[in-house]
Amino acid sequence: MNTGILIIAHAPLASALRECVLHVYPETASGVLALDVLPNEPTETTRLAALALLDQLAAPYTLVLTDVFGATPCNVAQKVVDGLHAKLVAGVNLPMLLRTVNYRHESLDVLVARALSGGAQCIMQVAVTAPQNQNRKPHDKNHHDHQQ
């Protein structure tokens, strides 16, 4: 059975992440929902909207992903998952979300572990240019390009 995924984040991040997921996995539209938390929106309004989306998911288990620990989306998520068959992970990014969508059939605890590893493993510094793409120095007349 698939776990439902609810993204709660500052607007427009939640919807943007969902759209990225649907670009890769369009068949998951009903199992991945998003709640954009608008500036100055009352917390109670956000809480009620989150509860409505959890009902709409109608999944036996739910993974809730938020953007920033301690911010309104995460605080609301903590309140709505309390007492449910749900887990909450803060710090959502696209690699984390893609990994969770891909493995929604696994247990909720395994899914949380995959979310955490997927989010962290995909954060890396990338070189600005590959060596074979760097400009040659004018004095290097005998340079030959080779695959590295």
C-alpha atoms as a PDB file:
ATOM      1  CA  MET A   1       0.000   0.000   0.000  1.00  0.00           C
ATOM      2  CA  ASN A   2       1.325   3.450  -0.904  1.00  0.00           C
ATOM      3  CA  THR A   3       2.069   6.129   1.650  1.00  0.00           C
ATOM      4  CA  GLY A   4       0.519   9.525   0.991  1.00  0.00           C
ATOM      5  CA  ILE A   5       2.844  12.509   0.800  1.00  0.00           C
ATOM      6  CA  LEU A   6       1.853  15.997   1.889  1.00  0.00           C
ATOM      7  CA  ILE A   7       4.206  18.928   1.312  1.00  0.00           C
ATOM      8  CA  ILE A   8       3.609  21.948   3.554  1.00  0.00           C
ATOM      9  CA  ALA A   9       5.893  24.887   2.778  1.00  0.00           C
ATOM     10  CA  HIS A  10       6.054  28.630   2.339  1.00  0.00           C
ATOM     11  CA  ALA A  11       4.273  29.746  -0.846  1.00  0.00           C
ATOM     12  CA  PRO A  12       4.940  28.894  -3.636  1.00  0.00           C
ATOM     13  CA  LEU A  13       7.490  26.194  -2.727  1.00  0.00           C
ATOM     14  CA  ALA A  14       5.064  23.380  -1.881  1.00  0.00           C
ATOM     15  CA  SER A  15       3.187  23.669  -5.183  1.00  0.00           C
ATOM     16  CA  ALA A  16       6.406  24.089  -7.159  1.00  0.00           C
ATOM     17  CA  LEU A  17       7.887  20.921  -5.649  1.00  0.00           C
ATOM     18  CA  ARG A  18       4.689  19.008  -6.384  1.00  0.00           C
ATOM     19  CA  GLU A  19       4.727  20.192 -10.004  1.00  0.00           C
ATOM     20  CA  CYS A  20       8.328  18.987 -10.355  1.00  0.00           C
ATOM     21  CA  VAL A  21       7.344  15.568  -9.012  1.00  0.00           C
ATOM     22  CA  LEU A  22       4.383  15.343 -11.370  1.00  0.00           C
ATOM     23  CA  HIS A  23       6.696  16.169 -14.273  1.00  0.00           C
ATOM     24  CA  VAL A  24       8.663  12.981 -13.472  1.00  0.00           C
ATOM     25  CA  TYR A  25       5.878  10.830 -11.972  1.00  0.00           C
ATOM     26  CA  PRO A  26       2.558  12.103 -13.389  1.00  0.00           C
ATOM     27  CA  GLU A  27       0.739   8.996 -12.164  1.00  0.00           C
ATOM     28  CA  THR A  28       1.291  10.055  -8.514  1.00  0.00           C
ATOM     29  CA  ALA A  29      -0.951  13.129  -8.664  1.00  0.00           C
ATOM     30  CA  SER A  30      -3.518  11.826  -6.185  1.00  0.00           C
ATOM     31  CA  GLY A  31      -0.872  10.593  -3.722  1.00  0.00           C
ATOM     32  CA  VAL A  32       1.222  13.759  -3.494  1.00  0.00           C
ATOM     33  CA  LEU A  33      -0.486  16.934  -2.340  1.00  0.00           C
ATOM     34  CA  ALA A  34       0.828  20.392  -1.505  1.00  0.00           C
ATOM     35  CA  LEU A  35      -0.135  23.202   0.832  1.00  0.00           C
ATOM     36  CA  ASP A  36       1.395  26.615   0.230  1.00  0.00           C
ATOM     37  CA  VAL A  37       1.449  28.671   3.422  1.00  0.00           C
ATOM     38  CA  LEU A  38       0.762  32.281   2.523  1.00  0.00           C
ATOM     39  CA  PRO A  39       2.294  35.240   4.352  1.00  0.00           C
ATOM     40  CA  ASN A  40       0.176  36.515   7.247  1.00  0.00           C
ATOM     41  CA  GLU A  41      -2.270  33.616   6.943  1.00  0.00           C
ATOM     42  CA  PRO A  42      -3.738  32.666  10.322  1.00  0.00           C
ATOM     43  CA  THR A  43      -2.245  29.464  11.694  1.00  0.00           C
ATOM     44  CA  GLU A  44      -5.707  28.002  12.235  1.00  0.00           C
ATOM     45  CA  THR A  45      -6.544  28.488   8.547  1.00  0.00           C
ATOM     46  CA  THR A  46      -3.369  26.632   7.586  1.00  0.00           C
ATOM     47  CA  ARG A  47      -4.093  23.860  10.089  1.00  0.00           C
ATOM     48  CA  LEU A  48      -7.603  23.321   8.735  1.00  0.00           C
ATOM     49  CA  ALA A  49      -6.325  23.273   5.153  1.00  0.00           C
ATOM     50  CA  ALA A  50      -3.682  20.685   6.110  1.00  0.00           C
ATOM     51  CA  LEU A  51      -6.302  18.483   7.777  1.00  0.00           C
ATOM     52  CA  ALA A  52      -8.495  18.695   4.670  1.00  0.00           C
ATOM     53  CA  LEU A  53      -5.580  17.615   2.470  1.00  0.00           C
ATOM     54  CA  LEU A  54      -4.782  14.704   4.791  1.00  0.00           C
ATOM     55  CA  ASP A  55      -8.411  13.589   4.437  1.00  0.00           C
ATOM     56  CA  GLN A  56      -8.150  13.977   0.662  1.00  0.00           C
ATOM     57  CA  LEU A  57      -5.055  11.736   0.585  1.00  0.00           C
ATOM     58  CA  ALA A  58      -7.041   9.008   2.336  1.00  0.00           C
ATOM     59  CA  ALA A  59      -3.820   7.024   2.789  1.00  0.00           C
ATOM     60  CA  PRO A  60      -3.253   4.586   5.655  1.00  0.00           C
ATOM     61  CA  TYR A  61       0.126   6.266   6.287  1.00  0.00           C
ATOM     62  CA  THR A  62       1.330   9.755   5.470  1.00  0.00           C
ATOM     63  CA  LEU A  63       4.722  11.375   5.170  1.00  0.00           C
ATOM     64  CA  VAL A  64       4.573  15.131   5.695  1.00  0.00           C
ATOM     65  CA  LEU A  65       7.479  17.169   4.346  1.00  0.00           C
ATOM     66  CA  THR A  66       8.065  20.794   5.347  1.00  0.00           C
ATOM     67  CA  ASP A  67      10.637  23.359   4.341  1.00  0.00           C
ATOM     68  CA  VAL A  68      12.079  24.902   7.528  1.00  0.00           C
ATOM     69  CA  PHE A  69      12.110  23.478  11.041  1.00  0.00           C
ATOM     70  CA  GLY A  70      10.553  25.922  13.496  1.00  0.00           C
ATOM     71  CA  ALA A  71       8.692  27.948  10.863  1.00  0.00           C
ATOM     72  CA  THR A  72       4.904  28.075  10.519  1.00  0.00           C
ATOM     73  CA  PRO A  73       4.605  25.208   7.983  1.00  0.00           C
ATOM     74  CA  CYS A  74       6.536  22.854  10.263  1.00  0.00           C
ATOM     75  CA  ASN A  75       4.723  24.023  13.398  1.00  0.00           C
ATOM     76  CA  VAL A  76       1.347  23.409  11.752  1.00  0.00           C
ATOM     77  CA  ALA A  77       2.508  20.020  10.474  1.00  0.00           C
ATOM     78  CA  GLN A  78       3.551  18.991  13.986  1.00  0.00           C
ATOM     79  CA  LYS A  79       0.029  19.695  15.207  1.00  0.00           C
ATOM     80  CA  VAL A  80      -1.769  17.852  12.412  1.00  0.00           C
ATOM     81  CA  VAL A  81       0.348  14.683  12.394  1.00  0.00           C
ATOM     82  CA  ASP A  82       0.088  14.196  16.152  1.00  0.00           C
ATOM     83  CA  GLY A  83      -1.942  11.061  16.758  1.00  0.00           C
ATOM     84  CA  LEU A  84      -1.979   9.963  13.108  1.00  0.00           C
ATOM     85  CA  HIS A  85      -0.081   7.224  11.305  1.00  0.00           C
ATOM     86  CA  ALA A  86       2.260   9.876   9.958  1.00  0.00           C
ATOM     87  CA  LYS A  87       5.853  11.051  10.113  1.00  0.00           C
ATOM     88  CA  LEU A  88       7.217  14.549   9.659  1.00  0.00           C
ATOM     89  CA  VAL A  89      10.503  15.540   8.022  1.00  0.00           C
ATOM     90  CA  ALA A  90      11.701  19.157   7.760  1.00  0.00           C
ATOM     91  CA  GLY A  91      14.128  20.454   5.142  1.00  0.00           C
ATOM     92  CA  VAL A  92      12.401  19.181   2.016  1.00  0.00           C
ATOM     93  CA  ASN A  93      14.273  19.425  -1.266  1.00  0.00           C
ATOM     94  CA  LEU A  94      13.574  17.982  -4.698  1.00  0.00           C
ATOM     95  CA  PRO A  95      15.921  14.971  -4.486  1.00  0.00           C
ATOM     96  CA  MET A  96      14.338  14.024  -1.144  1.00  0.00           C
ATOM     97  CA  LEU A  97      10.863  14.319  -2.597  1.00  0.00           C
ATOM     98  CA  LEU A  98      11.671  12.312  -5.727  1.00  0.00           C
ATOM     99  CA  ARG A  99      13.142   9.549  -3.602  1.00  0.00           C
ATOM    100  CA  THR A 100      10.079   9.394  -1.341  1.00  0.00           C
ATOM    101  CA  VAL A 101       7.683   9.301  -4.281  1.00  0.00           C
ATOM    102  CA  ASN A 102       9.687   6.523  -5.898  1.00  0.00           C
ATOM    103  CA  TYR A 103       9.603   4.377  -2.740  1.00  0.00           C
ATOM    104  CA  ARG A 104       6.083   5.128  -1.421  1.00  0.00           C
ATOM    105  CA  HIS A 105       5.324   1.398  -1.290  1.00  0.00           C
ATOM    106  CA  GLU A 106       7.847   0.839   1.525  1.00  0.00           C
ATOM    107  CA  SER A 107       7.054   1.128   5.237  1.00  0.00           C
ATOM    108  CA  LEU A 108       6.759   4.598   6.719  1.00  0.00           C
ATOM    109  CA  ASP A 109       9.938   4.213   8.797  1.00  0.00           C
ATOM    110  CA  VAL A 110      11.951   3.053   5.772  1.00  0.00           C
ATOM    111  CA  LEU A 111      10.476   5.894   3.739  1.00  0.00           C
ATOM    112  CA  VAL A 112      11.627   8.435   6.336  1.00  0.00           C
ATOM    113  CA  ALA A 113      15.147   6.964   6.193  1.00  0.00           C
ATOM    114  CA  ARG A 114      15.113   7.194   2.386  1.00  0.00           C
ATOM    115  CA  ALA A 115      13.910  10.805   2.566  1.00  0.00           C
ATOM    116  CA  LEU A 116      16.704  11.779   4.924  1.00  0.00           C
ATOM    117  CA  SER A 117      19.417  10.036   2.927  1.00  0.00           C
ATOM    118  CA  GLY A 118      18.074  11.281  -0.416  1.00  0.00           C
ATOM    119  CA  GLY A 119      17.976  14.860   0.771  1.00  0.00           C
ATOM    120  CA  ALA A 120      21.470  14.791   2.259  1.00  0.00           C
ATOM    121  CA  GLN A 121      23.271  12.703  -0.380  1.00  0.00           C
ATOM    122  CA  CYS A 122      22.245  15.018  -3.181  1.00  0.00           C
ATOM    123  CA  ILE A 123      23.741  18.113  -1.581  1.00  0.00           C
ATOM    124  CA  MET A 124      27.230  18.578  -2.990  1.00  0.00           C
ATOM    125  CA  GLN A 125      29.568  21.168  -4.362  1.00  0.00           C
ATOM    126  CA  VAL A 126      29.899  20.924  -8.128  1.00  0.00           C
ATOM    127  CA  ALA A 127      32.916  22.179 -10.108  1.00  0.00           C
ATOM    128  CA  VAL A 128      32.150  25.230 -12.201  1.00  0.00           C
ATOM    129  CA  THR A 129      33.825  23.829 -15.300  1.00  0.00           C
ATOM    130  CA  ALA A 130      35.161  20.435 -16.250  1.00  0.00           C
ATOM    131  CA  PRO A 131      38.884  20.367 -17.123  1.00  0.00           C
ATOM    132  CA  GLN A 132      38.210  19.616 -20.795  1.00  0.00           C
ATOM    133  CA  ASN A 133      35.965  22.694 -21.024  1.00  0.00           C
ATOM    134  CA  GLN A 134      38.459  25.209 -19.675  1.00  0.00           C
ATOM    135  CA  ASN A 135      39.907  27.801 -22.030  1.00  0.00           C
ATOM    136  CA  ARG A 136      43.409  27.109 -23.273  1.00  0.00           C
ATOM    137  CA  LYS A 137      46.188  29.498 -22.431  1.00  0.00           C
ATOM    138  CA  PRO A 138      47.506  31.337 -25.502  1.00  0.00           C
ATOM    139  CA  HIS A 139      51.028  29.910 -25.047  1.00  0.00           C
ATOM    140  CA  ASP A 140      49.802  26.281 -25.004  1.00  0.00           C
ATOM    141  CA  LYS A 141      50.078  25.545 -28.775  1.00  0.00           C
ATOM    142  CA  ASN A 142      50.674  21.803 -28.367  1.00  0.00           C
ATOM    143  CA  HIS A 143      47.590  21.149 -26.225  1.00  0.00           C
ATOM    144  CA  HIS A 144      45.379  18.270 -27.342  1.00  0.00           C
ATOM    145  CA  ASP A 145      41.893  17.740 -25.960  1.00  0.00           C
ATOM    146  CA  HIS A 146      41.368  14.327 -24.422  1.00  0.00           C
ATOM    147  CA  GLN A 147      38.511  12.852 -22.504  1.00  0.00           C
ATOM    148  CA  GLN A 148      39.294  12.837 -18.800  1.00  0.00           C
END
